């Protein structure tokens, strides 16, 4: 019986630990496609929306305040492209991104253009 209780507790703990991991939020950060990263890193607000859309196959990410580029996962790339297609902004694409950082990649929950 003790073994069964211990096993059940371990199973429940296994399901509850992911709930304790909190998503991070990055606010008002530049959205950049991977292909143009090195070209626009110094001045990302001059990067045209049209270019961001055209270079979508390379994937997207954000440039953090310390200059780190964090790539989006597949879901984040799709959300970013959908948002870009809807915006009327011609450049200066800044976003708020929520997700779980896993190394240099963000498992994106949401992307919103500011």
PDB file of N, CA and C in Angstrom:
ATOM      1  N   UNK A   1       0.824  -1.197   0.000  1.00  0.00           N
ATOM      2  CA  UNK A   1       0.000   0.000   0.000  1.00  0.00           C
ATOM      3  C   UNK A   1       0.868   1.260   0.000  1.00  0.00           C
ATOM      4  N   UNK A   2       1.934   1.249   0.818  1.00  0.00           N
ATOM      5  CA  UNK A   2       2.823   2.410   0.868  1.00  0.00           C
ATOM      6  C   UNK A   2       3.463   2.656  -0.494  1.00  0.00           C
ATOM      7  N   UNK A   3       3.799   1.574  -1.165  1.00  0.00           N
ATOM      8  CA  UNK A   3       4.416   1.693  -2.482  1.00  0.00           C
ATOM      9  C   UNK A   3       3.438   2.339  -3.471  1.00  0.00           C
ATOM     10  N   UNK A   4       2.187   1.961  -3.392  1.00  0.00           N
ATOM     11  CA  UNK A   4       1.161   2.519  -4.276  1.00  0.00           C
ATOM     12  C   UNK A   4       0.972   4.008  -4.007  1.00  0.00           C
ATOM     13  N   UNK A   5       0.911   4.389  -2.747  1.00  0.00           N
ATOM     14  CA  UNK A   5       0.747   5.797  -2.378  1.00  0.00           C
ATOM     15  C   UNK A   5       1.948   6.605  -2.863  1.00  0.00           C
ATOM     16  N   UNK A   6       3.139   6.076  -2.665  1.00  0.00           N
ATOM     17  CA  UNK A   6       4.349   6.775  -3.102  1.00  0.00           C
ATOM     18  C   UNK A   6       4.343   6.942  -4.630  1.00  0.00           C
ATOM     19  N   UNK A   7       3.964   5.910  -5.336  1.00  0.00           N
ATOM     20  CA  UNK A   7       3.909   5.975  -6.799  1.00  0.00           C
ATOM     21  C   UNK A   7       2.897   7.015  -7.256  1.00  0.00           C
ATOM     22  N   UNK A   8       1.737   7.032  -6.631  1.00  0.00           N
ATOM     23  CA  UNK A   8       0.710   8.017  -6.991  1.00  0.00           C
ATOM     24  C   UNK A   8       1.183   9.440  -6.708  1.00  0.00           C
ATOM     25  N   UNK A   9       1.867   9.638  -5.591  1.00  0.00           N
ATOM     26  CA  UNK A   9       2.401  10.966  -5.269  1.00  0.00           C
ATOM     27  C   UNK A   9       3.437  11.409  -6.295  1.00  0.00           C
ATOM     28  N   UNK A  10       4.293  10.506  -6.717  1.00  0.00           N
ATOM     29  CA  UNK A  10       5.293  10.837  -7.731  1.00  0.00           C
ATOM     30  C   UNK A  10       4.634  11.197  -9.063  1.00  0.00           C
ATOM     31  N   UNK A  11       3.593  10.485  -9.414  1.00  0.00           N
ATOM     32  CA  UNK A  11       2.870  10.790 -10.654  1.00  0.00           C
ATOM     33  C   UNK A  11       2.230  12.165 -10.562  1.00  0.00           C
ATOM     34  N   UNK A  12       1.577  12.457  -9.449  1.00  0.00           N
ATOM     35  CA  UNK A  12       0.947  13.768  -9.268  1.00  0.00           C
ATOM     36  C   UNK A  12       1.977  14.883  -9.281  1.00  0.00           C
ATOM     37  N   UNK A  13       3.107  14.662  -8.667  1.00  0.00           N
ATOM     38  CA  UNK A  13       4.175  15.654  -8.656  1.00  0.00           C
ATOM     39  C   UNK A  13       4.680  15.901 -10.074  1.00  0.00           C
ATOM     40  N   UNK A  14       4.787  14.839 -10.850  1.00  0.00           N
ATOM     41  CA  UNK A  14       5.227  14.966 -12.241  1.00  0.00           C
ATOM     42  C   UNK A  14       4.298  15.837 -13.064  1.00  0.00           C
ATOM     43  N   UNK A  15       3.006  15.795 -12.789  1.00  0.00           N
ATOM     44  CA  UNK A  15       2.050  16.627 -13.517  1.00  0.00           C
ATOM     45  C   UNK A  15       2.015  18.057 -13.006  1.00  0.00           C
ATOM     46  N   UNK A  16       2.355  18.262 -11.750  1.00  0.00           N
ATOM     47  CA  UNK A  16       2.248  19.610 -11.189  1.00  0.00           C
ATOM     48  C   UNK A  16       3.493  20.453 -11.413  1.00  0.00           C
ATOM     49  N   UNK A  17       4.657  19.851 -11.611  1.00  0.00           N
ATOM     50  CA  UNK A  17       5.889  20.619 -11.792  1.00  0.00           C
ATOM     51  C   UNK A  17       5.825  21.522 -13.021  1.00  0.00           C
ATOM     52  N   UNK A  18       5.363  21.055 -14.192  1.00  0.00           N
ATOM     53  CA  UNK A  18       5.285  21.969 -15.328  1.00  0.00           C
ATOM     54  C   UNK A  18       4.399  23.181 -15.061  1.00  0.00           C
ATOM     55  N   UNK A  19       3.404  23.018 -14.224  1.00  0.00           N
ATOM     56  CA  UNK A  19       2.531  24.148 -13.904  1.00  0.00           C
ATOM     57  C   UNK A  19       3.266  25.206 -13.096  1.00  0.00           C
ATOM     58  N   UNK A  20       4.338  24.805 -12.417  1.00  0.00           N
ATOM     59  CA  UNK A  20       5.102  25.755 -11.624  1.00  0.00           C
ATOM     60  C   UNK A  20       6.060  26.585 -12.478  1.00  0.00           C
ATOM     61  N   UNK A  21       6.390  26.095 -13.676  1.00  0.00           N
ATOM     62  CA  UNK A  21       7.276  26.833 -14.570  1.00  0.00           C
ATOM     63  C   UNK A  21       6.496  28.019 -15.117  1.00  0.00           C
ATOM     64  N   UNK A  22       7.051  29.207 -14.924  1.00  0.00           N
ATOM     65  CA  UNK A  22       6.338  30.410 -15.331  1.00  0.00           C
ATOM     66  C   UNK A  22       6.862  30.887 -16.668  1.00  0.00           C
ATOM     67  N   UNK A  23       5.945  31.294 -17.516  1.00  0.00           N
ATOM     68  CA  UNK A  23       6.328  31.864 -18.800  1.00  0.00           C
ATOM     69  C   UNK A  23       6.945  33.239 -18.573  1.00  0.00           C
ATOM     70  N   UNK A  24       7.875  33.589 -19.439  1.00  0.00           N
ATOM     71  CA  UNK A  24       8.488  34.915 -19.390  1.00  0.00           C
ATOM     72  C   UNK A  24       7.789  35.815 -20.396  1.00  0.00           C
ATOM     73  N   UNK A  25       7.909  37.116 -20.174  1.00  0.00           N
ATOM     74  CA  UNK A  25       7.368  38.094 -21.115  1.00  0.00           C
ATOM     75  C   UNK A  25       8.455  39.095 -21.462  1.00  0.00           C
ATOM     76  N   UNK A  26       8.608  39.341 -22.747  1.00  0.00           N
ATOM     77  CA  UNK A  26       9.528  40.357 -23.258  1.00  0.00           C
ATOM     78  C   UNK A  26       8.664  41.436 -23.882  1.00  0.00           C
ATOM     79  N   UNK A  27       8.804  42.671 -23.394  1.00  0.00           N
ATOM     80  CA  UNK A  27       7.944  43.769 -23.851  1.00  0.00           C
ATOM     81  C   UNK A  27       8.724  44.766 -24.696  1.00  0.00           C
ATOM     82  N   UNK A  28       8.054  45.245 -25.744  1.00  0.00           N
ATOM     83  CA  UNK A  28       8.583  46.316 -26.596  1.00  0.00           C
ATOM     84  C   UNK A  28       9.983  45.993 -27.130  1.00  0.00           C
ATOM     85  N   UNK A  29      10.125  44.787 -27.681  1.00  0.00           N
ATOM     86  CA  UNK A  29      11.403  44.354 -28.247  1.00  0.00           C
ATOM     87  C   UNK A  29      11.275  44.236 -29.764  1.00  0.00           C
ATOM     88  N   UNK A  30      12.357  44.493 -30.497  1.00  0.00           N
ATOM     89  CA  UNK A  30      12.294  44.408 -31.957  1.00  0.00           C
ATOM     90  C   UNK A  30      12.095  42.971 -32.438  1.00  0.00           C
ATOM     91  N   UNK A  31      11.206  42.824 -33.415  1.00  0.00           N
ATOM     92  CA  UNK A  31      11.010  41.548 -34.097  1.00  0.00           C
ATOM     93  C   UNK A  31      11.938  41.537 -35.306  1.00  0.00           C
ATOM     94  N   UNK A  32      12.727  40.483 -35.444  1.00  0.00           N
ATOM     95  CA  UNK A  32      13.705  40.399 -36.528  1.00  0.00           C
ATOM     96  C   UNK A  32      13.645  39.004 -37.137  1.00  0.00           C
ATOM     97  N   UNK A  33      13.771  38.953 -38.475  1.00  0.00           N
ATOM     98  CA  UNK A  33      13.888  37.645 -39.112  1.00  0.00           C
ATOM     99  C   UNK A  33      15.343  37.201 -39.025  1.00  0.00           C
ATOM    100  N   UNK A  34      15.551  35.910 -38.961  1.00  0.00           N
ATOM    101  CA  UNK A  34      16.894  35.364 -38.779  1.00  0.00           C
ATOM    102  C   UNK A  34      17.817  35.721 -39.938  1.00  0.00           C
ATOM    103  N   UNK A  35      17.280  35.742 -41.161  1.00  0.00           N
ATOM    104  CA  UNK A  35      18.109  36.033 -42.324  1.00  0.00           C
ATOM    105  C   UNK A  35      18.743  37.424 -42.252  1.00  0.00           C
ATOM    106  N   UNK A  36      18.014  38.402 -41.765  1.00  0.00           N
ATOM    107  CA  UNK A  36      18.492  39.790 -41.752  1.00  0.00           C
ATOM    108  C   UNK A  36      19.128  40.208 -40.427  1.00  0.00           C
ATOM    109  N   UNK A  37      19.255  39.296 -39.491  1.00  0.00           N
ATOM    110  CA  UNK A  37      19.730  39.639 -38.150  1.00  0.00           C
ATOM    111  C   UNK A  37      21.008  40.467 -38.163  1.00  0.00           C
ATOM    112  N   UNK A  38      22.046  39.981 -38.812  1.00  0.00           N
ATOM    113  CA  UNK A  38      23.334  40.690 -38.779  1.00  0.00           C
ATOM    114  C   UNK A  38      23.263  42.038 -39.480  1.00  0.00           C
ATOM    115  N   UNK A  39      22.423  42.143 -40.494  1.00  0.00           N
ATOM    116  CA  UNK A  39      22.303  43.384 -41.255  1.00  0.00           C
ATOM    117  C   UNK A  39      21.576  44.474 -40.464  1.00  0.00           C
ATOM    118  N   UNK A  40      20.591  44.102 -39.665  1.00  0.00           N
ATOM    119  CA  UNK A  40      19.746  45.107 -39.002  1.00  0.00           C
ATOM    120  C   UNK A  40      19.954  45.201 -37.493  1.00  0.00           C
ATOM    121  N   UNK A  41      20.841  44.399 -36.949  1.00  0.00           N
ATOM    122  CA  UNK A  41      21.031  44.349 -35.494  1.00  0.00           C
ATOM    123  C   UNK A  41      21.350  45.719 -34.897  1.00  0.00           C
ATOM    124  N   UNK A  42      22.122  46.529 -35.601  1.00  0.00           N
ATOM    125  CA  UNK A  42      22.515  47.844 -35.080  1.00  0.00           C
ATOM    126  C   UNK A  42      21.349  48.822 -35.034  1.00  0.00           C
ATOM    127  N   UNK A  43      20.388  48.675 -35.938  1.00  0.00           N
ATOM    128  CA  UNK A  43      19.249  49.593 -35.983  1.00  0.00           C
ATOM    129  C   UNK A  43      17.995  48.835 -36.436  1.00  0.00           C
ATOM    130  N   UNK A  44      17.451  47.973 -35.586  1.00  0.00           N
ATOM    131  CA  UNK A  44      16.334  47.115 -35.984  1.00  0.00           C
ATOM    132  C   UNK A  44      15.042  47.861 -36.311  1.00  0.00           C
ATOM    133  N   UNK A  45      14.878  49.086 -35.814  1.00  0.00           N
ATOM    134  CA  UNK A  45      13.638  49.815 -36.088  1.00  0.00           C
ATOM    135  C   UNK A  45      13.540  50.293 -37.532  1.00  0.00           C
ATOM    136  N   UNK A  46      14.633  50.259 -38.267  1.00  0.00           N
ATOM    137  CA  UNK A  46      14.618  50.640 -39.686  1.00  0.00           C
ATOM    138  C   UNK A  46      14.292  49.448 -40.594  1.00  0.00           C
ATOM    139  N   UNK A  47      14.128  48.281 -40.017  1.00  0.00           N
ATOM    140  CA  UNK A  47      13.859  47.068 -40.797  1.00  0.00           C
ATOM    141  C   UNK A  47      12.415  47.096 -41.305  1.00  0.00           C
ATOM    142  N   UNK A  48      12.219  47.133 -42.627  1.00  0.00           N
ATOM    143  CA  UNK A  48      10.862  47.250 -43.176  1.00  0.00           C
ATOM    144  C   UNK A  48      10.002  46.005 -42.921  1.00  0.00           C
ATOM    145  N   UNK A  49       8.740  46.244 -42.691  1.00  0.00           N
ATOM    146  CA  UNK A  49       7.777  45.162 -42.497  1.00  0.00           C
ATOM    147  C   UNK A  49       7.762  44.242 -43.705  1.00  0.00           C
ATOM    148  N   UNK A  50       7.834  44.824 -44.887  1.00  0.00           N
ATOM    149  CA  UNK A  50       7.823  44.040 -46.123  1.00  0.00           C
ATOM    150  C   UNK A  50       8.970  43.019 -46.139  1.00  0.00           C
ATOM    151  N   UNK A  51      10.137  43.438 -45.684  1.00  0.00           N
ATOM    152  CA  UNK A  51      11.289  42.531 -45.623  1.00  0.00           C
ATOM    153  C   UNK A  51      11.040  41.424 -44.604  1.00  0.00           C
ATOM    154  N   UNK A  52      10.479  41.778 -43.464  1.00  0.00           N
ATOM    155  CA  UNK A  52      10.166  40.769 -42.448  1.00  0.00           C
ATOM    156  C   UNK A  52       9.251  39.686 -43.017  1.00  0.00           C
ATOM    157  N   UNK A  53       8.277  40.102 -43.809  1.00  0.00           N
ATOM    158  CA  UNK A  53       7.348  39.139 -44.406  1.00  0.00           C
ATOM    159  C   UNK A  53       8.061  38.301 -45.465  1.00  0.00           C
ATOM    160  N   UNK A  54       8.847  38.955 -46.321  1.00  0.00           N
ATOM    161  CA  UNK A  54       9.543  38.238 -47.397  1.00  0.00           C
ATOM    162  C   UNK A  54      10.553  37.224 -46.863  1.00  0.00           C
ATOM    163  N   UNK A  55      11.137  37.499 -45.731  1.00  0.00           N
ATOM    164  CA  UNK A  55      12.169  36.613 -45.163  1.00  0.00           C
ATOM    165  C   UNK A  55      11.599  35.649 -44.120  1.00  0.00           C
ATOM    166  N   UNK A  56      10.306  35.426 -44.145  1.00  0.00           N
ATOM    167  CA  UNK A  56       9.649  34.619 -43.110  1.00  0.00           C
ATOM    168  C   UNK A  56      10.171  33.186 -43.034  1.00  0.00           C
ATOM    169  N   UNK A  57      10.628  32.635 -44.145  1.00  0.00           N
ATOM    170  CA  UNK A  57      11.086  31.235 -44.134  1.00  0.00           C
ATOM    171  C   UNK A  57      12.313  31.026 -43.251  1.00  0.00           C
ATOM    172  N   UNK A  58      13.057  32.105 -42.989  1.00  0.00           N
ATOM    173  CA  UNK A  58      14.241  31.967 -42.130  1.00  0.00           C
ATOM    174  C   UNK A  58      13.868  31.898 -40.652  1.00  0.00           C
ATOM    175  N   UNK A  59      12.629  32.268 -40.333  1.00  0.00           N
ATOM    176  CA  UNK A  59      12.173  32.263 -38.950  1.00  0.00           C
ATOM    177  C   UNK A  59      12.351  33.623 -38.303  1.00  0.00           C
ATOM    178  N   UNK A  60      11.723  33.795 -37.151  1.00  0.00           N
ATOM    179  CA  UNK A  60      11.743  35.066 -36.442  1.00  0.00           C
ATOM    180  C   UNK A  60      12.326  34.899 -35.052  1.00  0.00           C
ATOM    181  N   UNK A  61      12.600  36.048 -34.463  1.00  0.00           N
ATOM    182  CA  UNK A  61      13.062  36.092 -33.092  1.00  0.00           C
ATOM    183  C   UNK A  61      13.038  37.526 -32.607  1.00  0.00           C
ATOM    184  N   UNK A  62      13.506  37.722 -31.395  1.00  0.00           N
ATOM    185  CA  UNK A  62      13.554  39.063 -30.819  1.00  0.00           C
ATOM    186  C   UNK A  62      14.981  39.394 -30.419  1.00  0.00           C
ATOM    187  N   UNK A  63      15.250  40.673 -30.378  1.00  0.00           N
ATOM    188  CA  UNK A  63      16.541  41.169 -29.917  1.00  0.00           C
ATOM    189  C   UNK A  63      16.316  41.747 -28.524  1.00  0.00           C
ATOM    190  N   UNK A  64      16.912  41.126 -27.519  1.00  0.00           N
ATOM    191  CA  UNK A  64      16.706  41.578 -26.143  1.00  0.00           C
ATOM    192  C   UNK A  64      17.533  42.831 -25.869  1.00  0.00           C
ATOM    193  N   UNK A  65      17.284  43.447 -24.736  1.00  0.00           N
ATOM    194  CA  UNK A  65      17.974  44.696 -24.388  1.00  0.00           C
ATOM    195  C   UNK A  65      19.486  44.522 -24.254  1.00  0.00           C
ATOM    196  N   UNK A  66      19.943  43.304 -23.975  1.00  0.00           N
ATOM    197  CA  UNK A  66      21.389  43.071 -23.880  1.00  0.00           C
ATOM    198  C   UNK A  66      22.002  42.602 -25.203  1.00  0.00           C
ATOM    199  N   UNK A  67      21.200  42.641 -26.289  1.00  0.00           N
ATOM    200  CA  UNK A  67      21.703  42.289 -27.616  1.00  0.00           C
ATOM    201  C   UNK A  67      21.623  40.817 -27.963  1.00  0.00           C
ATOM    202  N   UNK A  68      20.992  40.023 -27.122  1.00  0.00           N
ATOM    203  CA  UNK A  68      20.842  38.595 -27.383  1.00  0.00           C
ATOM    204  C   UNK A  68      19.684  38.365 -28.348  1.00  0.00           C
ATOM    205  N   UNK A  69      19.901  37.502 -29.338  1.00  0.00           N
ATOM    206  CA  UNK A  69      18.840  37.131 -30.275  1.00  0.00           C
ATOM    207  C   UNK A  69      18.228  35.819 -29.810  1.00  0.00           C
ATOM    208  N   UNK A  70      16.929  35.836 -29.554  1.00  0.00           N
ATOM    209  CA  UNK A  70      16.202  34.643 -29.138  1.00  0.00           C
ATOM    210  C   UNK A  70      15.258  34.236 -30.261  1.00  0.00           C
ATOM    211  N   UNK A  71      15.468  33.041 -30.808  1.00  0.00           N
ATOM    212  CA  UNK A  71      14.661  32.532 -31.913  1.00  0.00           C
ATOM    213  C   UNK A  71      13.305  32.051 -31.400  1.00  0.00           C
ATOM    214  N   UNK A  72      12.321  32.099 -32.300  1.00  0.00           N
ATOM    215  CA  UNK A  72      10.997  31.564 -31.992  1.00  0.00           C
ATOM    216  C   UNK A  72      10.920  30.101 -32.421  1.00  0.00           C
ATOM    217  N   UNK A  73      10.056  29.357 -31.743  1.00  0.00           N
ATOM    218  CA  UNK A  73       9.734  28.015 -32.193  1.00  0.00           C
ATOM    219  C   UNK A  73       8.775  28.121 -33.386  1.00  0.00           C
ATOM    220  N   UNK A  74       8.376  26.998 -33.932  1.00  0.00           N
ATOM    221  CA  UNK A  74       7.509  26.976 -35.122  1.00  0.00           C
ATOM    222  C   UNK A  74       6.198  27.730 -34.891  1.00  0.00           C
ATOM    223  N   UNK A  75       5.570  27.516 -33.743  1.00  0.00           N
ATOM    224  CA  UNK A  75       4.306  28.200 -33.436  1.00  0.00           C
ATOM    225  C   UNK A  75       4.515  29.711 -33.357  1.00  0.00           C
ATOM    226  N   UNK A  76       5.625  30.130 -32.784  1.00  0.00           N
ATOM    227  CA  UNK A  76       5.931  31.556 -32.692  1.00  0.00           C
ATOM    228  C   UNK A  76       6.164  32.179 -34.053  1.00  0.00           C
ATOM    229  N   UNK A  77       6.843  31.443 -34.939  1.00  0.00           N
ATOM    230  CA  UNK A  77       7.060  31.943 -36.295  1.00  0.00           C
ATOM    231  C   UNK A  77       5.732  32.174 -37.006  1.00  0.00           C
ATOM    232  N   UNK A  78       4.804  31.249 -36.848  1.00  0.00           N
ATOM    233  CA  UNK A  78       3.488  31.392 -37.487  1.00  0.00           C
ATOM    234  C   UNK A  78       2.731  32.584 -36.907  1.00  0.00           C
ATOM    235  N   UNK A  79       2.744  32.722 -35.590  1.00  0.00           N
ATOM    236  CA  UNK A  79       2.051  33.852 -34.957  1.00  0.00           C
ATOM    237  C   UNK A  79       2.649  35.185 -35.392  1.00  0.00           C
ATOM    238  N   UNK A  80       3.975  35.243 -35.485  1.00  0.00           N
ATOM    239  CA  UNK A  80       4.636  36.481 -35.900  1.00  0.00           C
ATOM    240  C   UNK A  80       4.258  36.838 -37.333  1.00  0.00           C
ATOM    241  N   UNK A  81       4.290  35.857 -38.234  1.00  0.00           N
ATOM    242  CA  UNK A  81       3.936  36.119 -39.630  1.00  0.00           C
ATOM    243  C   UNK A  81       2.483  36.564 -39.746  1.00  0.00           C
ATOM    244  N   UNK A  82       1.589  35.913 -39.033  1.00  0.00           N
ATOM    245  CA  UNK A  82       0.173  36.314 -39.056  1.00  0.00           C
ATOM    246  C   UNK A  82       0.009  37.755 -38.585  1.00  0.00           C
ATOM    247  N   UNK A  83       0.706  38.128 -37.520  1.00  0.00           N
ATOM    248  CA  UNK A  83       0.616  39.498 -36.995  1.00  0.00           C
ATOM    249  C   UNK A  83       1.196  40.502 -37.988  1.00  0.00           C
ATOM    250  N   UNK A  84       2.303  40.145 -38.638  1.00  0.00           N
ATOM    251  CA  UNK A  84       2.917  41.049 -39.623  1.00  0.00           C
ATOM    252  C   UNK A  84       1.994  41.295 -40.810  1.00  0.00           C
ATOM    253  N   UNK A  85       1.296  40.266 -41.240  1.00  0.00           N
ATOM    254  CA  UNK A  85       0.387  40.403 -42.385  1.00  0.00           C
ATOM    255  C   UNK A  85      -0.795  41.307 -42.059  1.00  0.00           C
ATOM    256  N   UNK A  86      -1.122  41.449 -40.779  1.00  0.00           N
ATOM    257  CA  UNK A  86      -2.267  42.267 -40.367  1.00  0.00           C
ATOM    258  C   UNK A  86      -1.899  43.711 -40.034  1.00  0.00           C
ATOM    259  N   UNK A  87      -0.628  43.965 -39.747  1.00  0.00           N
ATOM    260  CA  UNK A  87      -0.254  45.310 -39.305  1.00  0.00           C
ATOM    261  C   UNK A  87      -0.207  46.298 -40.462  1.00  0.00           C
ATOM    262  N   UNK A  88      -0.426  47.558 -40.137  1.00  0.00           N
ATOM    263  CA  UNK A  88      -0.313  48.633 -41.119  1.00  0.00           C
ATOM    264  C   UNK A  88       1.016  49.372 -40.967  1.00  0.00           C
ATOM    265  N   UNK A  89       1.804  48.997 -39.969  1.00  0.00           N
ATOM    266  CA  UNK A  89       3.101  49.637 -39.748  1.00  0.00           C
ATOM    267  C   UNK A  89       4.067  49.257 -40.870  1.00  0.00           C
ATOM    268  N   UNK A  90       4.836  50.223 -41.327  1.00  0.00           N
ATOM    269  CA  UNK A  90       5.792  49.997 -42.426  1.00  0.00           C
ATOM    270  C   UNK A  90       7.171  49.562 -41.913  1.00  0.00           C
ATOM    271  N   UNK A  91       7.490  49.908 -40.667  1.00  0.00           N
ATOM    272  CA  UNK A  91       8.751  49.517 -40.042  1.00  0.00           C
ATOM    273  C   UNK A  91       8.600  49.685 -38.532  1.00  0.00           C
ATOM    274  N   UNK A  92       9.699  49.670 -37.822  1.00  0.00           N
ATOM    275  CA  UNK A  92       9.681  49.798 -36.351  1.00  0.00           C
ATOM    276  C   UNK A  92       8.760  48.764 -35.705  1.00  0.00           C
ATOM    277  N   UNK A  93       8.912  47.516 -36.125  1.00  0.00           N
ATOM    278  CA  UNK A  93       8.057  46.462 -35.583  1.00  0.00           C
ATOM    279  C   UNK A  93       8.609  46.002 -34.238  1.00  0.00           C
ATOM    280  N   UNK A  94       7.888  46.390 -33.216  1.00  0.00           N
ATOM    281  CA  UNK A  94       8.217  45.967 -31.852  1.00  0.00           C
ATOM    282  C   UNK A  94       7.057  45.125 -31.337  1.00  0.00           C
ATOM    283  N   UNK A  95       7.404  44.147 -30.527  1.00  0.00           N
ATOM    284  CA  UNK A  95       6.412  43.175 -30.083  1.00  0.00           C
ATOM    285  C   UNK A  95       6.507  42.930 -28.582  1.00  0.00           C
ATOM    286  N   UNK A  96       5.434  42.366 -28.064  1.00  0.00           N
ATOM    287  CA  UNK A  96       5.443  41.771 -26.735  1.00  0.00           C
ATOM    288  C   UNK A  96       5.280  40.279 -26.955  1.00  0.00           C
ATOM    289  N   UNK A  97       6.200  39.511 -26.390  1.00  0.00           N
ATOM    290  CA  UNK A  97       6.222  38.060 -26.580  1.00  0.00           C
ATOM    291  C   UNK A  97       6.143  37.387 -25.219  1.00  0.00           C
ATOM    292  N   UNK A  98       5.307  36.369 -25.137  1.00  0.00           N
ATOM    293  CA  UNK A  98       5.213  35.555 -23.935  1.00  0.00           C
ATOM    294  C   UNK A  98       5.532  34.119 -24.317  1.00  0.00           C
ATOM    295  N   UNK A  99       6.324  33.465 -23.489  1.00  0.00           N
ATOM    296  CA  UNK A  99       6.667  32.075 -23.752  1.00  0.00           C
ATOM    297  C   UNK A  99       7.709  31.566 -22.779  1.00  0.00           C
ATOM    298  N   UNK A 100       8.147  30.359 -23.020  1.00  0.00           N
ATOM    299  CA  UNK A 100       9.150  29.715 -22.176  1.00  0.00           C
ATOM    300  C   UNK A 100      10.479  29.696 -22.913  1.00  0.00           C
ATOM    301  N   UNK A 101      11.490  30.294 -22.308  1.00  0.00           N
ATOM    302  CA  UNK A 101      12.819  30.304 -22.914  1.00  0.00           C
ATOM    303  C   UNK A 101      13.484  28.958 -22.678  1.00  0.00           C
ATOM    304  N   UNK A 102      13.980  28.388 -23.765  1.00  0.00           N
ATOM    305  CA  UNK A 102      14.701  27.121 -23.701  1.00  0.00           C
ATOM    306  C   UNK A 102      16.015  27.321 -24.452  1.00  0.00           C
ATOM    307  N   UNK A 103      17.041  27.740 -23.732  1.00  0.00           N
ATOM    308  CA  UNK A 103      18.321  28.069 -24.357  1.00  0.00           C
ATOM    309  C   UNK A 103      18.197  29.363 -25.136  1.00  0.00           C
ATOM    310  N   UNK A 104      18.487  29.299 -26.440  1.00  0.00           N
ATOM    311  CA  UNK A 104      18.368  30.500 -27.278  1.00  0.00           C
ATOM    312  C   UNK A 104      17.074  30.513 -28.081  1.00  0.00           C
ATOM    313  N   UNK A 105      16.113  29.680 -27.672  1.00  0.00           N
ATOM    314  CA  UNK A 105      14.821  29.591 -28.357  1.00  0.00           C
ATOM    315  C   UNK A 105      13.699  29.882 -27.371  1.00  0.00           C
ATOM    316  N   UNK A 106      12.644  30.525 -27.886  1.00  0.00           N
ATOM    317  CA  UNK A 106      11.448  30.760 -27.073  1.00  0.00           C
ATOM    318  C   UNK A 106      10.334  29.867 -27.597  1.00  0.00           C
ATOM    319  N   UNK A 107       9.757  29.078 -26.706  1.00  0.00           N
ATOM    320  CA  UNK A 107       8.549  28.331 -27.036  1.00  0.00           C
ATOM    321  C   UNK A 107       7.408  29.322 -26.815  1.00  0.00           C
ATOM    322  N   UNK A 108       6.951  29.917 -27.905  1.00  0.00           N
ATOM    323  CA  UNK A 108       6.073  31.085 -27.855  1.00  0.00           C
ATOM    324  C   UNK A 108       4.636  30.713 -27.513  1.00  0.00           C
ATOM    325  N   UNK A 109       4.073  31.489 -26.593  1.00  0.00           N
ATOM    326  CA  UNK A 109       2.656  31.399 -26.265  1.00  0.00           C
ATOM    327  C   UNK A 109       1.886  32.466 -27.025  1.00  0.00           C
ATOM    328  N   UNK A 110       2.448  33.690 -27.072  1.00  0.00           N
ATOM    329  CA  UNK A 110       1.770  34.779 -27.793  1.00  0.00           C
ATOM    330  C   UNK A 110       2.775  35.803 -28.306  1.00  0.00           C
ATOM    331  N   UNK A 111       2.406  36.420 -29.442  1.00  0.00           N
ATOM    332  CA  UNK A 111       3.168  37.514 -30.048  1.00  0.00           C
ATOM    333  C   UNK A 111       2.172  38.605 -30.384  1.00  0.00           C
ATOM    334  N   UNK A 112       2.430  39.821 -29.927  1.00  0.00           N
ATOM    335  CA  UNK A 112       1.550  40.953 -30.242  1.00  0.00           C
ATOM    336  C   UNK A 112       2.401  42.138 -30.677  1.00  0.00           C
ATOM    337  N   UNK A 113       2.068  42.691 -31.842  1.00  0.00           N
ATOM    338  CA  UNK A 113       2.762  43.882 -32.325  1.00  0.00           C
ATOM    339  C   UNK A 113       2.259  45.076 -31.541  1.00  0.00           C
ATOM    340  N   UNK A 114       3.179  45.936 -31.130  1.00  0.00           N
ATOM    341  CA  UNK A 114       2.813  47.121 -30.340  1.00  0.00           C
ATOM    342  C   UNK A 114       2.472  48.283 -31.243  1.00  0.00           C
TER     343      UNK A 114
END
